[in-house]
Each structure stands twice: as C-alpha cells, then as structure tokens.
PDB file of N, CA and C in Angstrom:
ATOM      1  N   MET A   1      87.255 114.090 110.958  1.00  0.00           N
ATOM      2  CA  MET A   1      88.413 113.550 110.338  1.00  0.00           C
ATOM      3  C   MET A   1      87.960 112.679 108.800  1.00  0.00           C
ATOM      4  N   GLN A   2      89.031 113.353 108.284  1.00  0.00           N
ATOM      5  CA  GLN A   2      88.770 112.286 106.851  1.00  0.00           C
ATOM      6  C   GLN A   2      88.985 110.964 106.704  1.00  0.00           C
ATOM      7  N   GLU A   3      88.319 109.998 106.416  1.00  0.00           N
ATOM      8  CA  GLU A   3      89.052 108.878 105.872  1.00  0.00           C
ATOM      9  C   GLU A   3      90.146 108.990 104.926  1.00  0.00           C
ATOM     10  N   ALA A   4      91.091 107.912 105.454  1.00  0.00           N
ATOM     11  CA  ALA A   4      91.941 108.170 104.208  1.00  0.00           C
ATOM     12  C   ALA A   4      92.383 106.448 103.414  1.00  0.00           C
ATOM     13  N   TRP A   5      92.668 106.207 102.778  1.00  0.00           N
ATOM     14  CA  TRP A   5      92.648 104.578 101.918  1.00  0.00           C
ATOM     15  C   TRP A   5      94.337 105.336 101.289  1.00  0.00           C
ATOM     16  N   LEU A   6      94.502 103.760 101.642  1.00  0.00           N
ATOM     17  CA  LEU A   6      95.962 103.916 100.594  1.00  0.00           C
ATOM     18  C   LEU A   6      95.911 102.580  99.860  1.00  0.00           C
ATOM     19  N   GLN A   7      96.940 103.065  98.996  1.00  0.00           N
ATOM     20  CA  GLN A   7      96.809 101.984  97.594  1.00  0.00           C
ATOM     21  C   GLN A   7      98.287 101.405  98.110  1.00  0.00           C
ATOM     22  N   LEU A   8      97.753 100.075  97.737  1.00  0.00           N
ATOM     23  CA  LEU A   8      99.173  99.301  98.178  1.00  0.00           C
ATOM     24  C   LEU A   8      99.325  97.993  96.838  1.00  0.00           C
ATOM     25  N   GLN A   9     100.481  97.466  96.797  1.00  0.00           N
ATOM     26  CA  GLN A   9     100.955  96.984  95.857  1.00  0.00           C
ATOM     27  C   GLN A   9     101.844  96.043  96.106  1.00  0.00           C
ATOM     28  N   CYS A  10     101.494  94.519  95.838  1.00  0.00           N
ATOM     29  CA  CYS A  10     102.662  93.182  96.297  1.00  0.00           C
ATOM     30  C   CYS A  10     104.153  93.800  95.443  1.00  0.00           C
ATOM     31  N   PRO A  11     104.963  93.538  96.038  1.00  0.00           N
ATOM     32  CA  PRO A  11     106.341  93.823  95.414  1.00  0.00           C
ATOM     33  C   PRO A  11     106.904  92.465  94.444  1.00  0.00           C
ATOM     34  N   ALA A  12     105.995  91.321  95.215  1.00  0.00           N
ATOM     35  CA  ALA A  12     106.405  90.166  94.343  1.00  0.00           C
ATOM     36  C   ALA A  12     105.634  89.772  93.081  1.00  0.00           C
ATOM     37  N   CYS A  13     104.019  89.753  93.629  1.00  0.00           N
ATOM     38  CA  CYS A  13     103.203  89.232  92.932  1.00  0.00           C
ATOM     39  C   CYS A  13     102.568  90.366  91.573  1.00  0.00           C
ATOM     40  N   SER A  14     102.719  91.782  91.985  1.00  0.00           N
ATOM     41  CA  SER A  14     102.077  92.634  91.365  1.00  0.00           C
ATOM     42  C   SER A  14     100.529  93.426  91.626  1.00  0.00           C
ATOM     43  N   VAL A  15      99.880  92.399  92.327  1.00  0.00           N
ATOM     44  CA  VAL A  15      98.638  92.669  92.923  1.00  0.00           C
ATOM     45  C   VAL A  15      98.680  93.821  93.755  1.00  0.00           C
ATOM     46  N   THR A  16      97.180  94.487  93.317  1.00  0.00           N
ATOM     47  CA  THR A  16      97.152  95.583  93.954  1.00  0.00           C
ATOM     48  C   THR A  16      95.591  95.946  94.578  1.00  0.00           C
ATOM     49  N   TRP A  17      95.454  96.702  95.735  1.00  0.00           N
ATOM     50  CA  TRP A  17      94.761  96.678  96.639  1.00  0.00           C
ATOM     51  C   TRP A  17      94.206  97.739  97.446  1.00  0.00           C
ATOM     52  N   GLU A  18      93.344  98.371  98.185  1.00  0.00           N
ATOM     53  CA  GLU A  18      93.131  99.765  99.010  1.00  0.00           C
ATOM     54  C   GLU A  18      93.051  99.091 100.186  1.00  0.00           C
ATOM     55  N   GLU A  19      93.350  99.826 101.534  1.00  0.00           N
ATOM     56  CA  GLU A  19      93.341  99.349 103.069  1.00  0.00           C
ATOM     57  C   GLU A  19      92.839 100.542 103.635  1.00  0.00           C
ATOM     58  N   HIS A  20      91.982 100.393 104.485  1.00  0.00           N
ATOM     59  CA  HIS A  20      91.939 102.178 105.059  1.00  0.00           C
ATOM     60  C   HIS A  20      93.150 102.149 105.892  1.00  0.00           C
ATOM     61  N   VAL A  21      93.432 103.231 105.983  1.00  0.00           N
ATOM     62  CA  VAL A  21      94.837 103.422 106.964  1.00  0.00           C
ATOM     63  C   VAL A  21      94.478 103.440 108.445  1.00  0.00           C
ATOM     64  N   SER A  22      93.475 103.319 108.816  1.00  0.00           N
ATOM     65  CA  SER A  22      93.432 103.172 110.396  1.00  0.00           C
ATOM     66  C   SER A  22      93.505 101.713 110.647  1.00  0.00           C
ATOM     67  N   ASP A  23      93.466 100.501 109.485  1.00  0.00           N
ATOM     68  CA  ASP A  23      93.254  99.085 109.793  1.00  0.00           C
ATOM     69  C   ASP A  23      94.948  98.888 109.497  1.00  0.00           C
ATOM     70  N   LEU A  24      95.858  99.845 109.434  1.00  0.00           N
ATOM     71  CA  LEU A  24      97.269  99.443 108.822  1.00  0.00           C
ATOM     72  C   LEU A  24      98.252  99.797 110.112  1.00  0.00           C
ATOM     73  N   ARG A  25      99.166  98.823 110.076  1.00  0.00           N
ATOM     74  CA  ARG A  25     100.486  99.387 111.743  1.00  0.00           C
ATOM     75  C   ARG A  25     101.120 100.202 110.716  1.00  0.00           C
ATOM     76  N   ALA A  26     102.202 100.319 111.861  1.00  0.00           N
ATOM     77  CA  ALA A  26     103.712 101.293 111.532  1.00  0.00           C
ATOM     78  C   ALA A  26     104.721 100.536 110.311  1.00  0.00           C
ATOM     79  N   PRO A  27     105.277 101.272 109.375  1.00  0.00           N
ATOM     80  CA  PRO A  27     105.672 100.868 108.113  1.00  0.00           C
ATOM     81  C   PRO A  27     106.630  99.912 108.422  1.00  0.00           C
ATOM     82  N   ASP A  28     107.276  99.686 109.484  1.00  0.00           N
ATOM     83  CA  ASP A  28     108.348  98.232 109.662  1.00  0.00           C
ATOM     84  C   ASP A  28     107.421  96.730 110.033  1.00  0.00           C
ATOM     85  N   THR A  29     106.363  97.142 110.274  1.00  0.00           N
ATOM     86  CA  THR A  29     105.470  96.215 110.532  1.00  0.00           C
ATOM     87  C   THR A  29     105.463  94.988 109.767  1.00  0.00           C
ATOM     88  N   PRO A  30     105.982  93.943 110.134  1.00  0.00           N
ATOM     89  CA  PRO A  30     105.869  92.723 108.695  1.00  0.00           C
ATOM     90  C   PRO A  30     104.497  92.647 108.386  1.00  0.00           C
ATOM     91  N   PHE A  31     104.050  92.459 106.928  1.00  0.00           N
ATOM     92  CA  PHE A  31     102.745  92.411 106.108  1.00  0.00           C
ATOM     93  C   PHE A  31     103.167  91.234 105.311  1.00  0.00           C
ATOM     94  N   ASP A  32     101.667  90.742 104.746  1.00  0.00           N
ATOM     95  CA  ASP A  32     101.930  89.725 103.790  1.00  0.00           C
ATOM     96  C   ASP A  32     100.830  89.470 102.992  1.00  0.00           C
ATOM     97  N   CYS A  33     101.324  89.453 101.396  1.00  0.00           N
ATOM     98  CA  CYS A  33     100.173  89.426 100.600  1.00  0.00           C
ATOM     99  C   CYS A  33      98.969  88.411 100.755  1.00  0.00           C
ATOM    100  N   ASP A  34      98.101  88.504 100.691  1.00  0.00           N
ATOM    101  CA  ASP A  34      96.865  87.506 100.632  1.00  0.00           C
ATOM    102  C   ASP A  34      97.142  86.915  99.099  1.00  0.00           C
ATOM    103  N   ASP A  35      97.309  87.371  98.146  1.00  0.00           N
ATOM    104  CA  ASP A  35      97.351  86.511  96.970  1.00  0.00           C
ATOM    105  C   ASP A  35      98.636  84.772  96.866  1.00  0.00           C
ATOM    106  N   CYS A  36      99.685  85.950  97.257  1.00  0.00           N
ATOM    107  CA  CYS A  36     101.028  84.968  96.908  1.00  0.00           C
ATOM    108  C   CYS A  36     101.604  84.956  98.391  1.00  0.00           C
ATOM    109  N   GLY A  37     101.327  85.118  99.799  1.00  0.00           N
ATOM    110  CA  GLY A  37     101.701  84.993 100.771  1.00  0.00           C
ATOM    111  C   GLY A  37     103.165  85.421 101.053  1.00  0.00           C
ATOM    112  N   THR A  38     103.878  86.636  99.931  1.00  0.00           N
ATOM    113  CA  THR A  38     104.878  87.081 100.150  1.00  0.00           C
ATOM    114  C   THR A  38     105.173  88.167 101.500  1.00  0.00           C
ATOM    115  N   GLU A  39     106.250  88.282 102.414  1.00  0.00           N
ATOM    116  CA  GLU A  39     105.798  88.552 103.432  1.00  0.00           C
ATOM    117  C   GLU A  39     107.423  89.703 103.521  1.00  0.00           C
ATOM    118  N   ARG A  40     107.094  91.175 103.741  1.00  0.00           N
ATOM    119  CA  ARG A  40     107.952  91.831 104.034  1.00  0.00           C
ATOM    120  C   ARG A  40     107.307  92.955 104.665  1.00  0.00           C
ATOM    121  N   SER A  41     108.120  94.180 104.851  1.00  0.00           N
ATOM    122  CA  SER A  41     107.630  95.418 105.719  1.00  0.00           C
ATOM    123  C   SER A  41     106.291  95.591 104.664  1.00  0.00           C
ATOM    124  N   LEU A  42     105.479  96.254 105.774  1.00  0.00           N
ATOM    125  CA  LEU A  42     104.581  97.021 105.494  1.00  0.00           C
ATOM    126  C   LEU A  42     104.816  98.284 104.206  1.00  0.00           C
ATOM    127  N   SER A  43     105.931  98.839 104.801  1.00  0.00           N
ATOM    128  CA  SER A  43     106.309 100.287 103.787  1.00  0.00           C
ATOM    129  C   SER A  43     106.749  99.382 102.648  1.00  0.00           C
ATOM    130  N   GLU A  44     106.971  98.339 102.024  1.00  0.00           N
ATOM    131  CA  GLU A  44     107.131  97.376 100.838  1.00  0.00           C
ATOM    132  C   GLU A  44     105.947  97.473  99.811  1.00  0.00           C
ATOM    133  N   PHE A  45     104.945  97.583 100.555  1.00  0.00           N
ATOM    134  CA  PHE A  45     103.696  97.303  99.840  1.00  0.00           C
ATOM    135  C   PHE A  45     102.892  98.717  99.519  1.00  0.00           C
ATOM    136  N   MET A  46     103.601 100.053  99.651  1.00  0.00           N
ATOM    137  CA  MET A  46     102.832 101.180  99.488  1.00  0.00           C
ATOM    138  C   MET A  46     102.981 101.098  98.020  1.00  0.00           C
ATOM    139  N   ARG A  47     102.112 101.771  97.264  1.00  0.00           N
ATOM    140  CA  ARG A  47     102.559 101.825  95.826  1.00  0.00           C
ATOM    141  C   ARG A  47     103.041 103.213  95.404  1.00  0.00           C
ATOM    142  N   THR A  48     102.738 104.363  96.394  1.00  0.00           N
ATOM    143  CA  THR A  48     103.250 105.637  96.177  1.00  0.00           C
ATOM    144  C   THR A  48     104.086 106.261  97.098  1.00  0.00           C
ATOM    145  N   ALA A  49     104.827 107.020  96.739  1.00  0.00           N
ATOM    146  CA  ALA A  49     105.887 107.785  98.020  1.00  0.00           C
ATOM    147  C   ALA A  49     104.671 108.208  99.105  1.00  0.00           C
ATOM    148  N   ARG A  50     103.525 108.638  98.627  1.00  0.00           N
ATOM    149  CA  ARG A  50     102.632 109.316  99.153  1.00  0.00           C
ATOM    150  C   ARG A  50     101.653 108.790  99.925  1.00  0.00           C
ATOM    151  N   ASP A  51     101.199 107.360  99.425  1.00  0.00           N
ATOM    152  CA  ASP A  51     100.952 106.542 100.480  1.00  0.00           C
ATOM    153  C   ASP A  51     101.499 106.381 101.533  1.00  0.00           C
ATOM    154  N   LEU A  52     102.940 106.271 101.246  1.00  0.00           N
ATOM    155  CA  LEU A  52     103.901 105.852 102.607  1.00  0.00           C
ATOM    156  C   LEU A  52     103.734 107.031 103.716  1.00  0.00           C
ATOM    157  N   GLU A  53     103.960 108.182 103.096  1.00  0.00           N
ATOM    158  CA  GLU A  53     104.117 109.320 103.696  1.00  0.00           C
ATOM    159  C   GLU A  53     102.532 109.285 104.769  1.00  0.00           C
ATOM    160  N   VAL A  54     101.613 109.407 103.915  1.00  0.00           N
ATOM    161  CA  VAL A  54      99.711 109.257 104.688  1.00  0.00           C
ATOM    162  C   VAL A  54     100.541 108.123 105.966  1.00  0.00           C
ATOM    163  N   LEU A  55     100.907 107.067 105.605  1.00  0.00           N
ATOM    164  CA  LEU A  55     100.609 105.885 106.711  1.00  0.00           C
ATOM    165  C   LEU A  55     102.076 106.523 107.543  1.00  0.00           C
ATOM    166  N   GLN A  56     103.126 107.201 107.655  1.00  0.00           N
ATOM    167  CA  GLN A  56     103.669 107.866 108.586  1.00  0.00           C
ATOM    168  C   GLN A  56     102.993 108.682 109.251  1.00  0.00           C
ATOM    169  N   GLU A  57     102.479 109.424 108.527  1.00  0.00           N
ATOM    170  CA  GLU A  57     101.899 110.682 109.437  1.00  0.00           C
ATOM    171  C   GLU A  57     100.404 109.960 110.425  1.00  0.00           C
ATOM    172  N   PHE A  58      99.965 109.203 110.104  1.00  0.00           N
ATOM    173  CA  PHE A  58      98.835 108.144 111.252  1.00  0.00           C
ATOM    174  C   PHE A  58      99.426 107.710 111.689  1.00  0.00           C
ATOM    175  N   THR A  59     100.665 106.942 111.780  1.00  0.00           N
ATOM    176  CA  THR A  59     101.147 105.953 112.682  1.00  0.00           C
ATOM    177  C   THR A  59     101.809 106.809 113.745  1.00  0.00           C
ATOM    178  N   ASP A  60     102.522 108.055 113.363  1.00  0.00           N
ATOM    179  CA  ASP A  60     103.268 109.052 114.514  1.00  0.00           C
ATOM    180  C   ASP A  60     102.783 109.696 115.360  1.00  0.00           C
ATOM    181  N   ALA A  61     101.502 109.732 114.931  1.00  0.00           N
ATOM    182  CA  ALA A  61     100.388 110.419 115.765  1.00  0.00           C
ATOM    183  C   ALA A  61     100.045 109.876 117.060  1.00  0.00           C
TER     184      ALA A  61
END
C-alpha cells in the first residue's frame, strides 16, 4: 500500500500543512487548527477537492 499525504489549509488563518491520511478521521469529524484554534469539520480543512476524495476513499474502506 502506498502512503498518502493530504494537504490541509485552515479556512480561517490560511496556514497550510500536510497530514498522513491514516492519522485522520472521517471528513465530518470536528477538527481544529493548531495555529489559530478554529474548529470546523475536517472536510473544510482539505486544500483541494482531490484531498477530500482521497480522505473519503480511506475512511469508507
């Protein structure tokens, strides 16, 4: 199995970072930015539509 890294971006402060997909939960899980503390669903932190698709593929399996 290949490793998958997702690009995340805080919708409030625009900080970007990467996370290993296996370290993340379902897209509707509450998630917060370490930089500014904004809490929203994890799906709102996905930087691209493709990142969200990959997360959904891994959590649906």
